[in-house]
Amino acid sequence: MQLTIVNKTENEINIKIVGESHTLMNFLKTALLKNKHVEIATYDIKHPTISDPILFVRTDGAEPIDVIKKASKDIIKECDAFVKLFTEKTKD
């Protein structure tokens, strides 16, 4: 995965995320939208097989990089909880 900040202002950021698809982008967008400081979180993939997604986040003034970091940590917690539950439920 490669990240390139395409554009950043005080409360907005556009990030190109090379090599990712709707799977990660939907998860990230959903996590971002749970943050009270996020006004808009969306992404665009021009063509699903030959384009890389561009993430767009606008906040109410909070640092966009910080809200993306928090959303990423929230995703990790959610995945860890799933792994734990799945492991418990699939023990013989």
N, C-alpha and C. Protein backbone atom coordinates (compact mmCIF):
# COMPACT_ATOMS: atom_id res chain seq x y z
N MET A 1 0.85 -1.17 0.00
CA MET A 1 0.00 0.00 0.00
C MET A 1 0.90 1.23 0.00
N GLN A 2 0.52 2.19 -0.80
CA GLN A 2 1.20 3.49 -0.85
C GLN A 2 0.18 4.58 -0.60
N LEU A 3 0.57 5.58 0.15
CA LEU A 3 -0.29 6.73 0.40
C LEU A 3 0.37 7.98 -0.15
N THR A 4 -0.42 8.78 -0.85
CA THR A 4 0.06 10.06 -1.34
C THR A 4 -0.97 11.13 -0.97
N ILE A 5 -0.52 12.13 -0.23
CA ILE A 5 -1.43 13.24 0.08
C ILE A 5 -1.52 14.11 -1.17
N VAL A 6 -2.71 14.12 -1.76
CA VAL A 6 -2.95 14.88 -2.99
C VAL A 6 -3.15 16.35 -2.67
N ASN A 7 -3.89 16.61 -1.60
CA ASN A 7 -4.21 17.99 -1.22
C ASN A 7 -4.54 17.99 0.26
N LYS A 8 -4.09 19.02 0.98
CA LYS A 8 -4.43 19.13 2.39
C LYS A 8 -4.59 20.60 2.75
N THR A 9 -5.66 20.88 3.49
CA THR A 9 -5.87 22.19 4.08
C THR A 9 -6.03 21.99 5.58
N GLU A 10 -6.43 23.05 6.24
CA GLU A 10 -6.59 22.99 7.70
C GLU A 10 -7.61 21.94 8.12
N ASN A 11 -8.69 21.78 7.35
CA ASN A 11 -9.74 20.85 7.76
C ASN A 11 -10.16 19.86 6.67
N GLU A 12 -9.38 19.76 5.60
CA GLU A 12 -9.70 18.81 4.52
C GLU A 12 -8.43 18.10 4.07
N ILE A 13 -8.63 16.89 3.59
CA ILE A 13 -7.50 16.14 3.05
C ILE A 13 -8.00 15.21 1.95
N ASN A 14 -7.19 15.06 0.91
CA ASN A 14 -7.40 14.08 -0.16
C ASN A 14 -6.17 13.19 -0.16
N ILE A 15 -6.37 11.89 -0.08
CA ILE A 15 -5.26 10.95 -0.05
C ILE A 15 -5.49 9.87 -1.10
N LYS A 16 -4.50 9.66 -1.94
CA LYS A 16 -4.53 8.56 -2.90
C LYS A 16 -3.97 7.33 -2.19
N ILE A 17 -4.72 6.24 -2.25
CA ILE A 17 -4.32 5.01 -1.55
C ILE A 17 -4.13 3.93 -2.60
N VAL A 18 -2.88 3.73 -2.99
CA VAL A 18 -2.54 2.82 -4.07
C VAL A 18 -2.71 1.37 -3.63
N GLY A 19 -3.36 0.59 -4.48
CA GLY A 19 -3.47 -0.84 -4.25
C GLY A 19 -4.64 -1.27 -3.39
N GLU A 20 -5.51 -0.37 -3.04
CA GLU A 20 -6.66 -0.74 -2.22
C GLU A 20 -7.94 -0.71 -3.04
N SER A 21 -9.00 -1.25 -2.45
CA SER A 21 -10.28 -1.37 -3.15
C SER A 21 -11.41 -0.92 -2.23
N HIS A 22 -12.62 -1.21 -2.66
CA HIS A 22 -13.79 -0.84 -1.87
C HIS A 22 -13.78 -1.46 -0.47
N THR A 23 -13.16 -2.62 -0.34
CA THR A 23 -13.16 -3.31 0.95
C THR A 23 -12.60 -2.43 2.06
N LEU A 24 -11.39 -1.98 1.91
CA LEU A 24 -10.79 -1.12 2.93
C LEU A 24 -11.45 0.25 2.95
N MET A 25 -11.74 0.79 1.78
CA MET A 25 -12.24 2.15 1.71
C MET A 25 -13.61 2.28 2.40
N ASN A 26 -14.48 1.32 2.20
CA ASN A 26 -15.79 1.36 2.88
C ASN A 26 -15.63 1.26 4.39
N PHE A 27 -14.74 0.37 4.83
CA PHE A 27 -14.49 0.20 6.26
C PHE A 27 -13.96 1.50 6.85
N LEU A 28 -13.00 2.13 6.17
CA LEU A 28 -12.42 3.37 6.64
C LEU A 28 -13.43 4.51 6.64
N LYS A 29 -14.20 4.60 5.58
CA LYS A 29 -15.22 5.65 5.49
C LYS A 29 -16.22 5.51 6.64
N THR A 30 -16.67 4.31 6.89
CA THR A 30 -17.64 4.06 7.97
C THR A 30 -17.06 4.45 9.32
N ALA A 31 -15.81 4.07 9.57
CA ALA A 31 -15.16 4.42 10.83
C ALA A 31 -15.00 5.94 10.96
N LEU A 32 -14.66 6.60 9.89
CA LEU A 32 -14.51 8.06 9.91
C LEU A 32 -15.83 8.75 10.22
N LEU A 33 -16.90 8.27 9.62
CA LEU A 33 -18.20 8.92 9.81
C LEU A 33 -18.75 8.77 11.23
N LYS A 34 -18.18 7.88 12.01
CA LYS A 34 -18.58 7.73 13.42
C LYS A 34 -17.96 8.82 14.29
N ASN A 35 -16.97 9.52 13.77
CA ASN A 35 -16.28 10.57 14.52
C ASN A 35 -17.09 11.86 14.43
N LYS A 36 -17.40 12.44 15.59
CA LYS A 36 -18.23 13.64 15.62
C LYS A 36 -17.59 14.85 14.93
N HIS A 37 -16.28 14.83 14.75
CA HIS A 37 -15.59 15.94 14.10
C HIS A 37 -15.56 15.83 12.57
N VAL A 38 -15.98 14.69 12.05
CA VAL A 38 -15.95 14.48 10.60
C VAL A 38 -17.27 14.95 9.99
N GLU A 39 -17.18 15.90 9.09
CA GLU A 39 -18.37 16.39 8.38
C GLU A 39 -18.62 15.57 7.12
N ILE A 40 -17.56 15.24 6.40
CA ILE A 40 -17.67 14.44 5.18
C ILE A 40 -16.52 13.45 5.15
N ALA A 41 -16.84 12.21 4.81
CA ALA A 41 -15.83 11.19 4.56
C ALA A 41 -16.35 10.36 3.39
N THR A 42 -15.61 10.36 2.33
CA THR A 42 -16.02 9.62 1.14
C THR A 42 -14.76 9.25 0.35
N TYR A 43 -14.97 8.47 -0.68
CA TYR A 43 -13.85 8.13 -1.54
C TYR A 43 -14.38 7.94 -2.95
N ASP A 44 -13.45 7.97 -3.90
CA ASP A 44 -13.81 7.80 -5.30
C ASP A 44 -12.82 6.84 -5.94
N ILE A 45 -13.36 5.90 -6.70
CA ILE A 45 -12.54 5.01 -7.51
C ILE A 45 -13.08 5.15 -8.93
N LYS A 46 -12.31 5.78 -9.79
CA LYS A 46 -12.78 6.05 -11.16
C LYS A 46 -13.09 4.76 -11.91
N HIS A 47 -12.21 3.78 -11.81
CA HIS A 47 -12.43 2.48 -12.47
C HIS A 47 -11.90 1.40 -11.52
N PRO A 48 -12.72 0.43 -11.15
CA PRO A 48 -12.34 -0.51 -10.10
C PRO A 48 -11.12 -1.39 -10.40
N THR A 49 -10.77 -1.60 -11.64
CA THR A 49 -9.63 -2.47 -11.92
C THR A 49 -8.36 -1.72 -12.31
N ILE A 50 -8.48 -0.44 -12.65
CA ILE A 50 -7.27 0.27 -13.08
C ILE A 50 -7.03 1.59 -12.34
N SER A 51 -7.88 1.93 -11.41
CA SER A 51 -7.74 3.20 -10.68
C SER A 51 -7.51 2.94 -9.20
N ASP A 52 -6.80 3.85 -8.57
CA ASP A 52 -6.61 3.80 -7.13
C ASP A 52 -7.59 4.75 -6.47
N PRO A 53 -8.08 4.38 -5.30
CA PRO A 53 -9.05 5.24 -4.62
C PRO A 53 -8.43 6.52 -4.10
N ILE A 54 -9.25 7.55 -4.07
CA ILE A 54 -8.89 8.83 -3.46
C ILE A 54 -9.86 9.03 -2.29
N LEU A 55 -9.31 9.13 -1.10
CA LEU A 55 -10.10 9.37 0.11
C LEU A 55 -10.23 10.88 0.31
N PHE A 56 -11.43 11.34 0.63
CA PHE A 56 -11.67 12.75 0.93
C PHE A 56 -12.28 12.84 2.32
N VAL A 57 -11.70 13.66 3.16
CA VAL A 57 -12.21 13.88 4.52
C VAL A 57 -12.25 15.37 4.80
N ARG A 58 -13.39 15.82 5.33
CA ARG A 58 -13.50 17.20 5.80
C ARG A 58 -13.97 17.16 7.24
N THR A 59 -13.33 17.95 8.09
CA THR A 59 -13.67 17.98 9.51
C THR A 59 -14.25 19.34 9.88
N ASP A 60 -14.69 19.43 11.12
CA ASP A 60 -15.21 20.69 11.65
C ASP A 60 -14.10 21.60 12.15
N GLY A 61 -12.88 21.29 11.81
CA GLY A 61 -11.72 22.05 12.27
C GLY A 61 -10.68 21.16 12.92
N ALA A 62 -11.08 19.94 13.24
CA ALA A 62 -10.12 18.98 13.78
C ALA A 62 -9.10 18.62 12.70
N GLU A 63 -7.91 18.24 13.13
CA GLU A 63 -6.84 17.88 12.19
C GLU A 63 -7.24 16.60 11.44
N PRO A 64 -7.38 16.68 10.11
CA PRO A 64 -7.81 15.51 9.33
C PRO A 64 -6.91 14.29 9.50
N ILE A 65 -5.62 14.50 9.60
CA ILE A 65 -4.71 13.36 9.78
C ILE A 65 -5.00 12.66 11.10
N ASP A 66 -5.28 13.41 12.14
CA ASP A 66 -5.58 12.81 13.45
C ASP A 66 -6.87 11.98 13.40
N VAL A 67 -7.89 12.49 12.71
CA VAL A 67 -9.14 11.71 12.67
C VAL A 67 -8.97 10.44 11.84
N ILE A 68 -8.12 10.48 10.82
CA ILE A 68 -7.85 9.27 10.04
C ILE A 68 -7.07 8.27 10.87
N LYS A 69 -6.12 8.74 11.66
CA LYS A 69 -5.37 7.85 12.55
C LYS A 69 -6.31 7.19 13.56
N LYS A 70 -7.22 7.98 14.14
CA LYS A 70 -8.16 7.42 15.11
C LYS A 70 -9.07 6.39 14.45
N ALA A 71 -9.57 6.68 13.26
CA ALA A 71 -10.43 5.73 12.56
C ALA A 71 -9.67 4.44 12.26
N SER A 72 -8.40 4.56 11.91
CA SER A 72 -7.58 3.39 11.63
C SER A 72 -7.41 2.53 12.88
N LYS A 73 -7.18 3.18 14.01
CA LYS A 73 -7.06 2.44 15.27
C LYS A 73 -8.38 1.78 15.65
N ASP A 74 -9.50 2.46 15.38
CA ASP A 74 -10.82 1.88 15.65
C ASP A 74 -11.05 0.63 14.80
N ILE A 75 -10.60 0.67 13.55
CA ILE A 75 -10.73 -0.48 12.66
C ILE A 75 -9.92 -1.65 13.21
N ILE A 76 -8.71 -1.38 13.69
CA ILE A 76 -7.87 -2.44 14.25
C ILE A 76 -8.56 -3.07 15.46
N LYS A 77 -9.14 -2.25 16.33
CA LYS A 77 -9.86 -2.77 17.50
C LYS A 77 -11.02 -3.65 17.08
N GLU A 78 -11.76 -3.21 16.07
CA GLU A 78 -12.90 -3.98 15.58
C GLU A 78 -12.46 -5.32 15.00
N CYS A 79 -11.38 -5.31 14.24
CA CYS A 79 -10.85 -6.55 13.67
C CYS A 79 -10.34 -7.48 14.77
N ASP A 80 -9.66 -6.93 15.76
CA ASP A 80 -9.17 -7.74 16.88
C ASP A 80 -10.34 -8.38 17.63
N ALA A 81 -11.41 -7.63 17.85
CA ALA A 81 -12.58 -8.17 18.53
C ALA A 81 -13.21 -9.29 17.71
N PHE A 82 -13.26 -9.12 16.39
CA PHE A 82 -13.81 -10.16 15.53
C PHE A 82 -12.97 -11.43 15.61
N VAL A 83 -11.65 -11.28 15.52
CA VAL A 83 -10.76 -12.44 15.58
C VAL A 83 -10.95 -13.18 16.90
N LYS A 84 -11.03 -12.43 17.99
CA LYS A 84 -11.23 -13.05 19.30
C LYS A 84 -12.54 -13.82 19.35
N LEU A 85 -13.61 -13.20 18.92
CA LEU A 85 -14.92 -13.85 18.94
C LEU A 85 -14.94 -15.06 18.01
N PHE A 86 -14.39 -14.91 16.83
CA PHE A 86 -14.37 -16.00 15.85
C PHE A 86 -13.56 -17.18 16.40
N THR A 87 -12.44 -16.89 17.02
CA THR A 87 -11.61 -17.95 17.61
C THR A 87 -12.36 -18.69 18.71
N GLU A 88 -13.06 -17.94 19.55
CA GLU A 88 -13.85 -18.58 20.63
C GLU A 88 -14.96 -19.45 20.08
N LYS A 89 -15.62 -18.99 19.06
CA LYS A 89 -16.77 -19.71 18.51
C LYS A 89 -16.38 -20.91 17.64
N THR A 90 -15.13 -20.95 17.20
CA THR A 90 -14.73 -22.05 16.31
C THR A 90 -13.80 -23.04 17.00
N LYS A 91 -13.67 -22.95 18.32
CA LYS A 91 -12.87 -23.94 19.05
C LYS A 91 -13.63 -25.25 19.08
N ASP A 92 -12.86 -26.31 18.98
CA ASP A 92 -13.48 -27.65 19.05
C ASP A 92 -13.63 -28.12 20.46
